[in-house]
């Protein structure tokens, strides 16, 4: 752990859960299993968005939905951001 950020801890737990599955090729079910592992190990409110190299973006929040997780667009003078 390099910071005092709880986000770093959560992302390290997520990465550990992914690695613990010992898979040769990453499949969506591995991500779902890793999220389930995070839910089992972490207590409290959290919302995570992470980029998984070679796969894409994953987002999830705590099982009780304490922290919001929103995806959206913003219209500006230069178009959609």
N, C-alpha and C. Protein backbone atom coordinates (compact mmCIF):
# COMPACT_ATOMS: atom_id res chain seq x y z
N UNK A 1 0.86 -1.17 0.00
CA UNK A 1 0.00 0.00 0.00
C UNK A 1 0.91 1.23 0.00
N UNK A 2 0.65 2.13 -0.93
CA UNK A 2 1.51 3.30 -1.10
C UNK A 2 0.89 4.59 -0.61
N UNK A 3 -0.40 4.60 -0.33
CA UNK A 3 -1.08 5.82 0.09
C UNK A 3 -1.98 5.51 1.29
N UNK A 4 -2.66 6.54 1.75
CA UNK A 4 -3.64 6.36 2.82
C UNK A 4 -5.06 6.31 2.25
N UNK A 5 -5.18 6.05 0.97
CA UNK A 5 -6.47 6.06 0.28
C UNK A 5 -7.17 4.70 0.40
N UNK A 6 -8.43 4.74 0.79
CA UNK A 6 -9.19 3.49 0.85
C UNK A 6 -9.45 2.95 -0.56
N UNK A 7 -9.42 3.82 -1.56
CA UNK A 7 -9.60 3.37 -2.95
C UNK A 7 -8.47 2.44 -3.36
N UNK A 8 -7.26 2.76 -2.93
CA UNK A 8 -6.12 1.90 -3.26
C UNK A 8 -6.30 0.52 -2.62
N UNK A 9 -6.77 0.48 -1.39
CA UNK A 9 -7.00 -0.79 -0.71
C UNK A 9 -8.05 -1.61 -1.47
N UNK A 10 -9.17 -0.98 -1.82
CA UNK A 10 -10.24 -1.68 -2.53
C UNK A 10 -9.76 -2.21 -3.88
N UNK A 11 -9.01 -1.42 -4.61
CA UNK A 11 -8.51 -1.87 -5.91
C UNK A 11 -7.48 -2.99 -5.75
N UNK A 12 -6.69 -2.96 -4.69
CA UNK A 12 -5.76 -4.06 -4.42
C UNK A 12 -6.50 -5.34 -4.07
N UNK A 13 -7.58 -5.23 -3.31
CA UNK A 13 -8.39 -6.40 -2.99
C UNK A 13 -9.01 -6.96 -4.27
N UNK A 14 -9.52 -6.08 -5.13
CA UNK A 14 -10.10 -6.51 -6.41
C UNK A 14 -9.05 -7.22 -7.26
N UNK A 15 -7.86 -6.64 -7.36
CA UNK A 15 -6.78 -7.25 -8.15
C UNK A 15 -6.38 -8.60 -7.56
N UNK A 16 -6.32 -8.71 -6.25
CA UNK A 16 -5.99 -9.98 -5.61
C UNK A 16 -7.04 -11.04 -5.92
N UNK A 17 -8.31 -10.65 -5.85
CA UNK A 17 -9.40 -11.59 -6.15
C UNK A 17 -9.33 -12.05 -7.60
N UNK A 18 -8.98 -11.16 -8.52
CA UNK A 18 -8.82 -11.56 -9.93
C UNK A 18 -7.67 -12.54 -10.08
N UNK A 19 -6.55 -12.23 -9.48
CA UNK A 19 -5.36 -13.07 -9.61
C UNK A 19 -5.55 -14.44 -8.96
N UNK A 20 -6.31 -14.50 -7.88
CA UNK A 20 -6.49 -15.75 -7.14
C UNK A 20 -7.26 -16.81 -7.94
N UNK A 21 -7.90 -16.40 -9.03
CA UNK A 21 -8.68 -17.35 -9.82
C UNK A 21 -7.82 -18.20 -10.75
N UNK A 22 -6.55 -17.85 -10.92
CA UNK A 22 -5.62 -18.64 -11.73
C UNK A 22 -6.16 -18.97 -13.12
N UNK A 23 -6.55 -17.97 -13.86
CA UNK A 23 -7.07 -18.18 -15.20
C UNK A 23 -6.04 -17.77 -16.25
N UNK A 24 -6.08 -18.43 -17.38
CA UNK A 24 -5.17 -18.08 -18.46
C UNK A 24 -5.73 -16.96 -19.32
N UNK A 25 -7.04 -16.91 -19.42
CA UNK A 25 -7.69 -15.88 -20.23
C UNK A 25 -8.82 -15.27 -19.41
N UNK A 26 -8.85 -13.96 -19.34
CA UNK A 26 -9.85 -13.26 -18.54
C UNK A 26 -11.21 -13.30 -19.23
N UNK A 27 -12.21 -13.75 -18.51
CA UNK A 27 -13.59 -13.83 -18.98
C UNK A 27 -14.47 -12.99 -18.06
N UNK A 28 -15.65 -12.57 -18.53
CA UNK A 28 -16.54 -11.77 -17.68
C UNK A 28 -16.85 -12.44 -16.33
N UNK A 29 -16.99 -13.74 -16.31
CA UNK A 29 -17.29 -14.44 -15.05
C UNK A 29 -16.19 -14.25 -14.02
N UNK A 30 -14.94 -14.10 -14.46
CA UNK A 30 -13.83 -13.86 -13.53
C UNK A 30 -13.98 -12.50 -12.85
N UNK A 31 -14.43 -11.50 -13.62
CA UNK A 31 -14.66 -10.18 -13.04
C UNK A 31 -15.80 -10.24 -12.03
N UNK A 32 -16.88 -10.94 -12.37
CA UNK A 32 -18.01 -11.06 -11.44
C UNK A 32 -17.58 -11.78 -10.17
N UNK A 33 -16.78 -12.82 -10.30
CA UNK A 33 -16.28 -13.55 -9.13
C UNK A 33 -15.38 -12.65 -8.27
N UNK A 34 -14.56 -11.82 -8.91
CA UNK A 34 -13.69 -10.91 -8.17
C UNK A 34 -14.51 -9.87 -7.42
N UNK A 35 -15.55 -9.35 -8.04
CA UNK A 35 -16.43 -8.39 -7.36
C UNK A 35 -17.11 -9.06 -6.16
N UNK A 36 -17.55 -10.29 -6.33
CA UNK A 36 -18.15 -11.05 -5.21
C UNK A 36 -17.14 -11.20 -4.08
N UNK A 37 -15.89 -11.44 -4.42
CA UNK A 37 -14.83 -11.54 -3.41
C UNK A 37 -14.61 -10.23 -2.67
N UNK A 38 -14.66 -9.11 -3.40
CA UNK A 38 -14.53 -7.79 -2.76
C UNK A 38 -15.68 -7.59 -1.79
N UNK A 39 -16.90 -7.92 -2.21
CA UNK A 39 -18.06 -7.77 -1.34
C UNK A 39 -17.91 -8.60 -0.06
N UNK A 40 -17.32 -9.78 -0.18
CA UNK A 40 -17.15 -10.66 0.98
C UNK A 40 -16.07 -10.14 1.95
N UNK A 41 -15.08 -9.45 1.40
CA UNK A 41 -13.94 -9.03 2.23
C UNK A 41 -14.02 -7.60 2.73
N UNK A 42 -14.80 -6.74 2.08
CA UNK A 42 -14.82 -5.32 2.41
C UNK A 42 -16.18 -4.91 2.96
N UNK A 43 -16.14 -4.14 4.04
CA UNK A 43 -17.36 -3.67 4.69
C UNK A 43 -17.41 -2.15 4.56
N UNK A 44 -18.60 -1.62 4.32
CA UNK A 44 -18.76 -0.17 4.25
C UNK A 44 -19.28 0.25 2.90
N UNK A 45 -19.29 1.55 2.68
CA UNK A 45 -19.77 2.09 1.43
C UNK A 45 -18.64 2.39 0.47
N UNK A 46 -18.76 1.94 -0.76
CA UNK A 46 -17.74 2.19 -1.77
C UNK A 46 -18.34 2.10 -3.16
N UNK A 47 -17.75 2.83 -4.07
CA UNK A 47 -18.08 2.74 -5.49
C UNK A 47 -16.75 2.74 -6.24
N UNK A 48 -16.57 1.77 -7.11
CA UNK A 48 -15.29 1.57 -7.80
C UNK A 48 -15.49 1.60 -9.31
N UNK A 49 -14.61 2.29 -9.98
CA UNK A 49 -14.50 2.22 -11.44
C UNK A 49 -13.03 1.93 -11.72
N UNK A 50 -12.77 0.86 -12.46
CA UNK A 50 -11.39 0.46 -12.74
C UNK A 50 -11.25 0.07 -14.20
N UNK A 51 -10.07 0.31 -14.74
CA UNK A 51 -9.74 -0.12 -16.08
C UNK A 51 -8.91 -1.40 -15.97
N UNK A 52 -9.41 -2.48 -16.55
CA UNK A 52 -8.70 -3.76 -16.54
C UNK A 52 -8.01 -3.88 -17.90
N UNK A 53 -6.69 -3.83 -17.87
CA UNK A 53 -5.90 -3.83 -19.10
C UNK A 53 -6.24 -5.01 -19.99
N UNK A 54 -6.48 -4.75 -21.25
CA UNK A 54 -6.78 -5.80 -22.21
C UNK A 54 -8.21 -6.29 -22.16
N UNK A 55 -9.03 -5.71 -21.28
CA UNK A 55 -10.41 -6.17 -21.17
C UNK A 55 -11.39 -5.01 -21.29
N UNK A 56 -11.25 -4.02 -20.46
CA UNK A 56 -12.15 -2.87 -20.50
C UNK A 56 -12.37 -2.29 -19.12
N UNK A 57 -13.45 -1.53 -19.01
CA UNK A 57 -13.75 -0.85 -17.77
C UNK A 57 -14.77 -1.65 -16.97
N UNK A 58 -14.59 -1.65 -15.65
CA UNK A 58 -15.53 -2.32 -14.76
C UNK A 58 -15.91 -1.33 -13.65
N UNK A 59 -17.17 -1.33 -13.30
CA UNK A 59 -17.64 -0.48 -12.21
C UNK A 59 -18.58 -1.27 -11.32
N UNK A 60 -18.46 -1.05 -10.02
CA UNK A 60 -19.35 -1.72 -9.06
C UNK A 60 -19.38 -0.90 -7.78
N UNK A 61 -20.41 -1.15 -6.97
CA UNK A 61 -20.51 -0.46 -5.69
C UNK A 61 -20.83 -1.46 -4.59
N UNK A 62 -20.83 -0.99 -3.37
CA UNK A 62 -21.07 -1.88 -2.24
C UNK A 62 -22.44 -2.55 -2.35
N UNK A 63 -22.60 -3.72 -1.74
CA UNK A 63 -23.85 -4.47 -1.89
C UNK A 63 -25.09 -3.74 -1.38
N UNK A 64 -24.91 -2.80 -0.46
CA UNK A 64 -26.06 -2.07 0.08
C UNK A 64 -26.37 -0.79 -0.69
N UNK A 65 -25.57 -0.48 -1.68
CA UNK A 65 -25.81 0.71 -2.50
C UNK A 65 -25.66 2.01 -1.75
N UNK A 66 -24.76 2.04 -0.76
CA UNK A 66 -24.57 3.24 0.05
C UNK A 66 -23.96 4.37 -0.78
N UNK A 67 -22.96 4.06 -1.56
CA UNK A 67 -22.30 5.06 -2.40
C UNK A 67 -22.87 5.00 -3.82
N UNK A 68 -23.15 6.17 -4.39
CA UNK A 68 -23.70 6.17 -5.76
C UNK A 68 -22.61 5.88 -6.79
N UNK A 69 -23.04 5.32 -7.90
CA UNK A 69 -22.17 5.09 -9.05
C UNK A 69 -22.97 5.52 -10.26
N UNK A 70 -22.52 6.58 -10.93
CA UNK A 70 -23.28 7.18 -12.01
C UNK A 70 -22.42 7.26 -13.26
N UNK A 71 -23.01 6.92 -14.39
CA UNK A 71 -22.35 7.09 -15.68
C UNK A 71 -23.22 8.06 -16.47
N UNK A 72 -22.60 9.06 -17.05
CA UNK A 72 -23.41 10.04 -17.78
C UNK A 72 -22.58 10.83 -18.76
N UNK A 73 -23.25 11.71 -19.45
CA UNK A 73 -22.63 12.64 -20.41
C UNK A 73 -22.95 14.04 -20.00
N UNK A 74 -22.10 14.97 -20.42
CA UNK A 74 -22.34 16.37 -20.16
C UNK A 74 -22.31 17.12 -21.49
N UNK A 75 -23.37 17.85 -21.75
CA UNK A 75 -23.45 18.66 -22.96
C UNK A 75 -22.77 20.00 -22.69
N UNK A 76 -21.86 20.37 -23.55
CA UNK A 76 -21.15 21.64 -23.42
C UNK A 76 -21.09 22.35 -24.75
N UNK A 77 -20.51 23.52 -24.77
CA UNK A 77 -20.42 24.28 -26.02
C UNK A 77 -19.62 23.55 -27.11
N UNK A 78 -18.76 22.64 -26.71
CA UNK A 78 -17.95 21.89 -27.67
C UNK A 78 -18.53 20.51 -27.94
N UNK A 79 -19.75 20.26 -27.49
CA UNK A 79 -20.39 18.97 -27.72
C UNK A 79 -20.48 18.14 -26.47
N UNK A 80 -20.69 16.85 -26.66
CA UNK A 80 -20.84 15.93 -25.54
C UNK A 80 -19.47 15.56 -24.97
N UNK A 81 -19.36 15.61 -23.67
CA UNK A 81 -18.11 15.25 -22.98
C UNK A 81 -18.32 13.98 -22.20
